[in-house]
């Protein structure tokens, strides 16, 4: 059996080192699915699906509605911040828009609180003891 020797002073790279090094300067970009898996979002989503599959359909729909309200709330808050950042805050029209947007945000928050209470009551009636799905929807 013939052995191949490297000249002295040059380390022998292990296979894992040689596969890690790359001449590609652009780097590797992870896909959305890979990012979800690495961040733990994929596992969280699977756990939520498993928990919601045990959930009665009417409660699952209410939780879905809560998540939609949460997204709406975030969008409306962003809009309110944009309005509040305008330079002409003394203008009556801007003041009215800020007030109206603040009312929209408050209304959505009230709807969310009411829906959370309704979901909680429905879960109690259905005998669902794991509040994890509701909590994850609220956060």
Protein backbone atom coordinates (compact mmCIF):
# COMPACT_ATOMS: atom_id res chain seq x y z
CA UNK A 1 0.00 0.00 0.00
CA UNK A 2 1.43 3.37 -1.04
CA UNK A 3 1.33 6.33 1.36
CA UNK A 4 1.18 9.91 0.16
CA UNK A 5 3.19 12.36 2.20
CA UNK A 6 2.75 16.11 2.25
CA UNK A 7 5.83 18.27 2.49
CA UNK A 8 6.77 19.25 6.04
CA UNK A 9 5.22 22.40 7.40
CA UNK A 10 1.90 22.04 5.57
CA UNK A 11 -0.92 20.81 7.79
CA UNK A 12 -3.22 18.16 6.48
CA UNK A 13 -6.75 19.51 6.29
CA UNK A 14 -9.47 17.33 7.62
CA UNK A 15 -12.42 16.70 5.29
CA UNK A 16 -14.66 18.94 7.39
CA UNK A 17 -12.23 21.84 7.14
CA UNK A 18 -11.91 21.52 3.40
CA UNK A 19 -15.67 21.50 2.94
CA UNK A 20 -16.12 24.57 5.12
CA UNK A 21 -13.64 26.68 3.16
CA UNK A 22 -15.01 28.11 -0.03
CA UNK A 23 -13.78 30.43 -2.74
CA UNK A 24 -17.30 31.77 -3.19
CA UNK A 25 -17.34 35.38 -1.98
CA UNK A 26 -21.12 35.74 -2.05
CA UNK A 27 -21.68 33.35 0.83
CA UNK A 28 -24.62 31.06 1.38
CA UNK A 29 -28.04 32.55 1.99
CA UNK A 30 -30.44 30.47 4.02
CA UNK A 31 -33.93 29.94 2.71
CA UNK A 32 -36.91 31.10 4.73
CA UNK A 33 -37.65 27.50 5.71
CA UNK A 34 -34.05 26.97 6.89
CA UNK A 35 -34.18 30.21 8.91
CA UNK A 36 -37.45 29.11 10.51
CA UNK A 37 -35.94 25.77 11.42
CA UNK A 38 -32.77 27.29 12.91
CA UNK A 39 -34.63 29.95 14.87
CA UNK A 40 -37.08 27.47 16.34
CA UNK A 41 -40.07 29.07 14.64
CA UNK A 42 -40.74 25.86 12.73
CA UNK A 43 -40.99 23.85 15.95
CA UNK A 44 -43.21 26.52 17.50
CA UNK A 45 -45.51 26.52 14.46
CA UNK A 46 -45.76 22.73 14.55
CA UNK A 47 -46.56 22.83 18.27
CA UNK A 48 -49.26 25.44 17.64
CA UNK A 49 -50.75 23.31 14.85
CA UNK A 50 -50.77 20.26 17.10
CA UNK A 51 -52.39 22.22 19.91
CA UNK A 52 -54.95 23.76 17.59
CA UNK A 53 -55.80 20.36 16.13
CA UNK A 54 -56.91 19.32 19.62
CA UNK A 55 -58.90 22.54 19.88
CA UNK A 56 -62.58 22.65 18.93
CA UNK A 57 -63.07 24.31 15.55
CA UNK A 58 -64.97 27.36 16.86
CA UNK A 59 -62.19 28.13 19.33
CA UNK A 60 -59.51 27.67 16.67
CA UNK A 61 -61.36 30.18 14.47
CA UNK A 62 -61.54 32.68 17.31
CA UNK A 63 -57.81 32.29 17.93
CA UNK A 64 -57.20 32.83 14.22
CA UNK A 65 -59.29 36.00 14.42
CA UNK A 66 -57.26 37.14 17.42
CA UNK A 67 -54.06 36.73 15.42
CA UNK A 68 -55.57 38.81 12.59
CA UNK A 69 -56.55 41.53 15.05
CA UNK A 70 -53.03 41.49 16.44
CA UNK A 71 -51.61 42.06 12.94
CA UNK A 72 -54.11 44.87 12.31
CA UNK A 73 -53.15 46.47 15.60
CA UNK A 74 -49.48 46.50 14.64
CA UNK A 75 -50.27 48.12 11.28
CA UNK A 76 -52.50 50.74 12.87
CA UNK A 77 -49.87 51.54 15.52
CA UNK A 78 -47.28 52.05 12.78
CA UNK A 79 -49.68 54.39 10.98
CA UNK A 80 -50.26 56.33 14.20
CA UNK A 81 -46.51 56.70 14.74
CA UNK A 82 -46.11 58.03 11.18
CA UNK A 83 -48.84 60.58 11.77
CA UNK A 84 -47.33 61.63 15.08
CA UNK A 85 -43.95 62.10 13.38
CA UNK A 86 -45.31 64.68 10.94
CA UNK A 87 -43.84 68.15 11.33
CA UNK A 88 -47.13 70.05 11.15
CA UNK A 89 -48.70 68.80 14.39
CA UNK A 90 -50.40 72.18 14.93
CA UNK A 91 -52.48 71.77 11.77
CA UNK A 92 -56.10 70.95 12.67
CA UNK A 93 -56.36 68.31 9.93
CA UNK A 94 -53.28 66.49 11.25
CA UNK A 95 -54.59 66.69 14.81
CA UNK A 96 -57.89 65.16 13.66
CA UNK A 97 -56.07 62.36 11.82
CA UNK A 98 -53.91 61.57 14.86
CA UNK A 99 -56.98 61.51 17.09
CA UNK A 100 -58.90 59.26 14.68
CA UNK A 101 -55.94 56.88 14.35
CA UNK A 102 -55.52 56.74 18.14
CA UNK A 103 -59.22 55.85 18.39
CA UNK A 104 -58.75 53.05 15.85
CA UNK A 105 -55.83 51.64 17.86
CA UNK A 106 -57.84 51.81 21.09
CA UNK A 107 -60.82 50.14 19.41
CA UNK A 108 -58.73 47.23 18.16
CA UNK A 109 -57.17 46.81 21.60
CA UNK A 110 -60.65 46.69 23.14
CA UNK A 111 -61.75 44.11 20.57
CA UNK A 112 -58.71 41.99 21.38
CA UNK A 113 -59.39 42.08 25.13
CA UNK A 114 -63.01 41.12 24.54
CA UNK A 115 -62.04 38.29 22.18
CA UNK A 116 -59.46 36.93 24.61
CA UNK A 117 -62.13 36.78 27.31
CA UNK A 118 -64.55 35.08 24.92
CA UNK A 119 -61.90 32.52 23.92
CA UNK A 120 -61.05 31.87 27.55
CA UNK A 121 -64.69 31.28 28.41
CA UNK A 122 -65.16 29.00 25.38
CA UNK A 123 -62.07 27.01 26.35
CA UNK A 124 -63.45 26.50 29.85
CA UNK A 125 -66.80 25.33 28.43
CA UNK A 126 -65.04 22.92 26.07
CA UNK A 127 -62.86 21.57 28.88
CA UNK A 128 -59.61 22.74 27.27
CA UNK A 129 -57.10 23.12 30.08
CA UNK A 130 -53.99 24.06 28.08
CA UNK A 131 -53.89 27.85 27.71
CA UNK A 132 -50.69 27.69 25.66
CA UNK A 133 -52.41 28.25 22.32
CA UNK A 134 -54.26 31.30 23.60
CA UNK A 135 -51.13 32.71 25.20
CA UNK A 136 -49.07 32.21 22.04
CA UNK A 137 -51.75 34.01 20.01
CA UNK A 138 -51.70 36.95 22.42
CA UNK A 139 -47.92 37.34 22.46
